[in-house]
Amino acid sequence: QVQLVESGGGLVHAGGSLRLSCVVSGRILSNENLGMGWFRQAPGKDREFVAAITWIGGSTLYPPSVEGRFDISRDNAKNTVFLQMNSLKPEDTAVYYCARGRGIIFTDVAGVSSWGQGTQVTVSS
């Protein structure tokens, strides 16, 4: 059993920044190369891929909608993954979910094995 706990959401003006954190706990092996990442879901919309990172090596993936504005990173020693969000836009408003992959990296929900509970990010115009 693995638990993911997010923090760092909140309300910010357009153009501002927020940093989300996700701590992973439970049955984790230090040499397990399972990807970590973030999705978001706005009301009435499907859950959308935001960013992912390989646990070993730190290779990253982003969709065009956030590339250049968002940065995913991890601290392996603390079993924590971060999402630095800059130049936020009102359309970034959503519940953000931390995710742990079934493999080394993922870009869709089918590649996720565990989810956090979500943290609200609201960007005002």
Protein backbone atom coordinates (compact mmCIF):
# COMPACT_ATOMS: atom_id res chain seq x y z
CA GLN A 1 0.00 0.00 0.00
CA VAL A 2 1.35 3.40 -1.03
CA GLN A 3 0.03 6.77 0.13
CA LEU A 4 0.47 10.09 -1.67
CA VAL A 5 -0.23 13.32 0.19
CA GLU A 6 -0.25 16.65 -1.65
CA SER A 7 0.14 20.14 -0.23
CA GLY A 8 0.74 23.66 -1.47
CA GLY A 9 -2.45 24.53 -3.31
CA GLY A 10 -4.21 27.84 -2.87
CA LEU A 11 -5.45 31.03 -4.48
CA VAL A 12 -3.14 33.14 -6.62
CA HIS A 13 -3.51 36.00 -9.10
CA ALA A 14 -2.80 35.45 -12.77
CA GLY A 15 0.92 35.65 -13.44
CA GLY A 16 1.75 34.36 -9.97
CA SER A 17 3.43 31.19 -8.82
CA LEU A 18 2.67 28.21 -6.59
CA ARG A 19 4.69 25.17 -5.57
CA LEU A 20 2.97 21.87 -4.93
CA SER A 21 4.53 19.04 -2.94
CA CYS A 22 3.67 15.35 -2.78
CA VAL A 23 5.08 13.01 -0.16
CA VAL A 24 5.05 9.29 -0.93
CA SER A 25 4.91 6.80 1.93
CA GLY A 26 4.16 3.16 2.53
CA ARG A 27 5.58 0.14 0.70
CA ILE A 28 8.33 1.83 -1.32
CA LEU A 29 11.58 0.28 -2.45
CA SER A 30 14.49 2.70 -2.77
CA ASN A 31 15.54 1.26 -6.15
CA GLU A 32 12.03 1.17 -7.59
CA ASN A 33 12.08 3.25 -10.77
CA LEU A 34 8.39 4.12 -10.91
CA GLY A 35 7.53 7.49 -12.39
CA MET A 36 5.85 10.25 -10.44
CA GLY A 37 3.76 13.07 -11.77
CA TRP A 38 0.81 15.39 -11.66
CA PHE A 39 -2.59 15.57 -13.25
CA ARG A 40 -5.32 18.18 -12.89
CA GLN A 41 -9.08 18.16 -13.21
CA ALA A 42 -11.31 21.19 -13.67
CA PRO A 43 -15.07 20.98 -13.07
CA GLY A 44 -16.82 19.15 -15.87
CA LYS A 45 -13.58 18.14 -17.57
CA ASP A 46 -11.50 14.98 -17.79
CA ARG A 47 -8.40 14.52 -15.69
CA GLU A 48 -5.51 16.05 -17.65
CA PHE A 49 -1.82 15.16 -17.63
CA VAL A 50 0.39 18.00 -16.35
CA ALA A 51 3.89 16.63 -15.75
CA ALA A 52 5.84 13.46 -15.02
CA ILE A 53 9.36 12.55 -13.94
CA THR A 54 11.35 9.32 -13.78
CA TRP A 55 12.35 8.48 -10.23
CA ILE A 56 15.86 7.50 -11.31
CA GLY A 57 17.52 9.93 -13.69
CA GLY A 58 14.92 12.67 -13.45
CA SER A 59 13.77 12.73 -17.07
CA THR A 60 10.64 14.85 -17.47
CA LEU A 61 7.61 15.15 -19.72
CA TYR A 62 5.11 18.01 -20.07
CA PRO A 63 2.17 18.74 -22.36
CA PRO A 64 2.37 21.91 -24.50
CA SER A 65 -0.15 23.67 -22.28
CA VAL A 66 2.32 23.95 -19.37
CA GLU A 67 5.76 23.47 -20.96
CA GLY A 68 8.03 26.36 -20.09
CA ARG A 69 5.83 27.45 -17.18
CA PHE A 70 5.75 24.36 -14.93
CA ASP A 71 8.73 22.45 -13.58
CA ILE A 72 8.58 19.02 -11.95
CA SER A 73 11.36 17.81 -9.67
CA ARG A 74 11.91 15.19 -6.98
CA ASP A 75 13.87 14.61 -3.81
CA ASN A 76 14.53 10.88 -3.71
CA ALA A 77 15.86 10.95 -0.14
CA LYS A 78 12.60 12.48 1.10
CA ASN A 79 10.30 10.52 -1.25
CA THR A 80 8.87 13.84 -2.38
CA VAL A 81 7.95 15.23 -5.77
CA PHE A 82 7.38 18.92 -6.47
CA LEU A 83 5.55 20.93 -9.09
CA GLN A 84 6.70 24.53 -9.46
CA MET A 85 4.04 26.47 -11.36
CA ASN A 86 4.94 29.88 -12.76
CA SER A 87 3.10 32.42 -14.93
CA LEU A 88 -0.19 30.91 -13.81
CA LYS A 89 -3.29 31.53 -15.88
CA PRO A 90 -6.99 31.34 -14.93
CA GLU A 91 -7.26 28.23 -17.12
CA ASP A 92 -4.80 26.48 -14.80
CA THR A 93 -7.53 26.48 -12.13
CA ALA A 94 -8.24 22.86 -11.15
CA VAL A 95 -7.77 20.21 -8.50
CA TYR A 96 -4.21 18.94 -8.87
CA TYR A 97 -3.52 15.27 -8.18
CA CYS A 98 -0.20 13.62 -7.45
CA ALA A 99 0.26 10.29 -9.21
CA ARG A 100 2.61 7.30 -9.05
CA GLY A 101 3.11 5.28 -12.19
CA ARG A 102 2.93 1.64 -13.10
CA GLY A 103 6.17 2.06 -15.08
CA ILE A 104 9.08 4.45 -15.36
CA ILE A 105 6.95 7.31 -16.72
CA PHE A 106 3.42 8.04 -17.93
CA THR A 107 1.31 10.62 -19.76
CA ASP A 108 -2.22 9.32 -19.18
CA VAL A 109 -4.37 7.96 -16.36
CA ALA A 110 -3.94 4.39 -17.57
CA GLY A 111 -0.28 4.62 -16.57
CA VAL A 112 -1.05 5.52 -12.94
CA SER A 113 -1.21 3.03 -10.08
CA SER A 114 -1.77 5.38 -7.10
CA TRP A 115 -3.37 8.78 -6.62
CA GLY A 116 -3.25 11.46 -3.98
CA GLN A 117 -6.38 13.10 -2.63
CA GLY A 118 -5.89 16.30 -4.63
CA THR A 119 -5.22 19.94 -3.81
CA GLN A 120 -7.14 22.92 -5.16
CA VAL A 121 -5.37 25.55 -7.23
CA THR A 122 -7.36 28.66 -8.11
CA VAL A 123 -5.98 31.38 -10.36
CA SER A 124 -7.91 34.64 -10.42
CA SER A 125 -7.86 36.99 -13.40
